[in-house]
Amino acid sequence: MVDKKRLYLMIGLARFEKKHQDGSFRISRYYRGDYTAFALIRNFLLSTIAYILLLGMLALVNIDTVFSWLNMQDIRFLIAGLVVSYVIFVGVYSVIAYILARIRYVRMQSDMEEYNRALARLNRMYRHAGSDNVYAKHKQEEEEE
C-alpha cells in the first residue's frame, strides 16, 4: 500500500525539480565565487555590446553634432568623454550584476537546502517503512541465522 505522506513528499520534490531545473540545479554546480565571476564576465560582455549599440543609436540620431565634434581640432576630449562614460556605464551595471548574482546564489542555497532536507526526510520514511515491512524483518532474521 502506498503511504500518502511519502506520495505527497515525492510529488512536492518532483514539482521542485521541474520548477527549478533551469535555475537552482544549474547554479548549484558552481562555487559562489565562480558563479559570481561568470556573471560579471557575462555582464561585461553584454554591457559593452549595449554601450556600443547605444552610442551608435545616439550618433545616428545626432549625426550633425557628431560631425561637428569630429571636425574639432582637439578630439582627445571627445575620446576621454567616451572612455569615462563607458567606464561609468560598465561599472554601474557590474555592481548591479554582482548584487543580483549574490542574491540569486543565496536563494539557490536556501532552495537546495530545503530540497535536500525533503530528500533526507523521504529517505528516512523509506528506511522506517522498510523496518516495519514483514518481508524486511524476515530477511533480516534469515541473515542473522
Protein backbone atom coordinates (compact mmCIF):
# COMPACT_ATOMS: atom_id res chain seq x y z
CA MET A 1 0.00 0.00 0.00
CA VAL A 2 1.24 3.48 -0.83
CA ASP A 3 1.94 5.82 2.06
CA LYS A 4 0.20 9.16 1.43
CA LYS A 5 2.86 11.19 3.23
CA ARG A 6 5.61 9.71 1.07
CA LEU A 7 3.50 10.20 -2.06
CA TYR A 8 2.86 13.87 -1.28
CA LEU A 9 6.53 14.39 -0.46
CA MET A 10 7.60 12.79 -3.76
CA ILE A 11 5.08 14.94 -5.65
CA GLY A 12 6.47 18.05 -3.92
CA LEU A 13 10.03 17.02 -4.81
CA ALA A 14 9.05 16.42 -8.43
CA ARG A 15 7.40 19.85 -8.60
CA PHE A 16 10.52 21.45 -7.13
CA GLU A 17 12.73 19.66 -9.68
CA LYS A 18 10.52 20.73 -12.56
CA LYS A 19 10.28 24.33 -11.35
CA HIS A 20 13.99 24.75 -10.57
CA GLN A 21 15.63 22.56 -13.21
CA ASP A 22 16.97 25.60 -15.09
CA GLY A 23 17.71 27.69 -12.03
CA SER A 24 18.77 26.23 -8.73
CA PHE A 25 20.11 22.95 -10.05
CA ARG A 26 22.24 24.74 -12.66
CA ILE A 27 23.56 27.33 -10.20
CA SER A 28 24.30 24.71 -7.53
CA ARG A 29 27.01 23.19 -9.73
CA TYR A 30 29.19 26.28 -9.19
CA TYR A 31 31.02 27.68 -6.19
CA ARG A 32 29.77 31.09 -5.15
CA GLY A 33 32.92 32.88 -6.40
CA ASP A 34 32.86 31.06 -9.73
CA TYR A 35 29.18 31.83 -10.27
CA THR A 36 29.71 35.50 -9.42
CA ALA A 37 32.78 35.76 -11.67
CA PHE A 38 30.89 34.15 -14.54
CA ALA A 39 28.01 36.60 -14.04
CA LEU A 40 30.44 39.55 -14.05
CA ILE A 41 32.20 38.37 -17.22
CA ARG A 42 28.85 37.87 -18.96
CA ASN A 43 27.75 41.32 -17.74
CA PHE A 44 30.96 42.93 -19.02
CA LEU A 45 30.47 41.49 -22.49
CA LEU A 46 26.77 42.30 -22.67
CA SER A 47 27.14 45.82 -21.26
CA THR A 48 29.96 46.53 -23.74
CA ILE A 49 27.70 45.47 -26.61
CA ALA A 50 24.84 47.54 -25.15
CA TYR A 51 27.12 50.59 -24.81
CA ILE A 52 28.29 50.31 -28.40
CA LEU A 53 24.71 49.94 -29.66
CA LEU A 54 23.51 52.85 -27.51
CA LEU A 55 26.40 55.02 -28.66
CA GLY A 56 25.69 54.10 -32.28
CA MET A 57 22.00 54.95 -31.95
CA LEU A 58 22.78 58.28 -30.28
CA ALA A 59 25.31 59.05 -33.02
CA LEU A 60 22.73 58.33 -35.73
CA VAL A 61 20.09 60.48 -34.06
CA ASN A 62 22.50 63.38 -33.56
CA ILE A 63 24.59 62.99 -36.72
CA ASP A 64 25.11 66.76 -37.16
CA THR A 65 26.56 67.11 -33.67
CA VAL A 66 28.81 64.10 -34.22
CA PHE A 67 30.25 65.61 -37.41
CA SER A 68 30.86 68.93 -35.68
CA TRP A 69 32.75 67.11 -32.87
CA LEU A 70 34.80 65.20 -35.43
CA ASN A 71 35.82 68.48 -37.08
CA MET A 72 37.21 69.78 -33.80
CA GLN A 73 40.95 70.21 -33.62
CA ASP A 74 41.22 68.56 -30.20
CA ILE A 75 39.46 65.21 -30.40
CA ARG A 76 41.11 63.98 -27.19
CA PHE A 77 38.27 65.45 -25.11
CA LEU A 78 35.73 63.50 -27.13
CA ILE A 79 37.64 60.24 -26.69
CA ALA A 80 38.19 60.93 -22.98
CA GLY A 81 34.47 61.61 -22.52
CA LEU A 82 33.57 58.37 -24.30
CA VAL A 83 36.02 56.35 -22.21
CA VAL A 84 34.79 57.88 -18.94
CA SER A 85 31.14 57.31 -19.86
CA TYR A 86 31.98 53.71 -20.84
CA VAL A 87 33.72 53.04 -17.52
CA ILE A 88 30.79 54.52 -15.59
CA PHE A 89 28.26 52.57 -17.68
CA VAL A 90 30.05 49.24 -17.24
CA GLY A 91 30.80 49.97 -13.57
CA VAL A 92 27.19 50.66 -12.67
CA TYR A 93 25.93 47.57 -14.46
CA SER A 94 28.72 45.44 -12.97
CA VAL A 95 27.71 46.46 -9.44
CA ILE A 96 24.10 45.59 -10.24
CA ALA A 97 25.13 42.25 -11.77
CA TYR A 98 27.31 41.44 -8.74
CA ILE A 99 24.48 42.11 -6.30
CA LEU A 100 21.96 40.12 -8.36
CA ALA A 101 24.35 37.17 -8.72
CA ARG A 102 24.93 37.07 -4.97
CA ILE A 103 21.20 37.27 -4.25
CA ARG A 104 20.46 34.51 -6.79
CA TYR A 105 23.16 32.29 -5.29
CA VAL A 106 21.92 32.78 -1.71
CA ARG A 107 18.34 31.99 -2.78
CA MET A 108 19.57 28.89 -4.60
CA GLN A 109 21.42 27.74 -1.49
CA SER A 110 18.30 28.01 0.66
CA ASP A 111 16.18 26.28 -2.01
CA MET A 112 18.68 23.43 -2.32
CA GLU A 113 18.94 23.07 1.48
CA GLU A 114 15.15 22.73 1.62
CA TYR A 115 15.24 20.22 -1.23
CA ASN A 116 17.98 18.18 0.46
CA ARG A 117 16.05 18.17 3.77
CA ALA A 118 13.00 16.87 1.93
CA LEU A 119 15.12 14.16 0.27
CA ALA A 120 16.54 13.15 3.65
CA ARG A 121 13.01 13.03 5.11
CA LEU A 122 11.90 10.81 2.22
CA ASN A 123 14.92 8.56 2.76
CA ARG A 124 14.06 8.24 6.48
CA MET A 125 10.48 7.37 5.55
CA TYR A 126 11.67 4.60 3.28
CA ARG A 127 14.09 3.25 5.88
CA HIS A 128 11.42 3.39 8.55
CA ALA A 129 8.88 1.72 6.25
CA GLY A 130 11.45 -0.95 5.43
CA SER A 131 11.85 -1.85 9.12
CA ASP A 132 8.07 -2.17 9.50
CA ASN A 133 7.85 -4.39 6.47
CA VAL A 134 7.31 -8.05 7.35
CA TYR A 135 9.41 -9.18 4.41
CA ALA A 136 12.29 -6.98 5.54
CA LYS A 137 12.06 -8.39 9.07
CA HIS A 138 12.01 -11.95 7.76
CA LYS A 139 15.01 -11.29 5.53
CA GLN A 140 16.86 -9.70 8.43
CA GLU A 141 16.16 -12.74 10.61
CA GLU A 142 17.49 -15.05 7.88
CA GLU A 143 20.70 -13.02 7.66
CA GLU A 144 21.20 -13.25 11.42
CA GLU A 145 20.95 -17.07 11.35
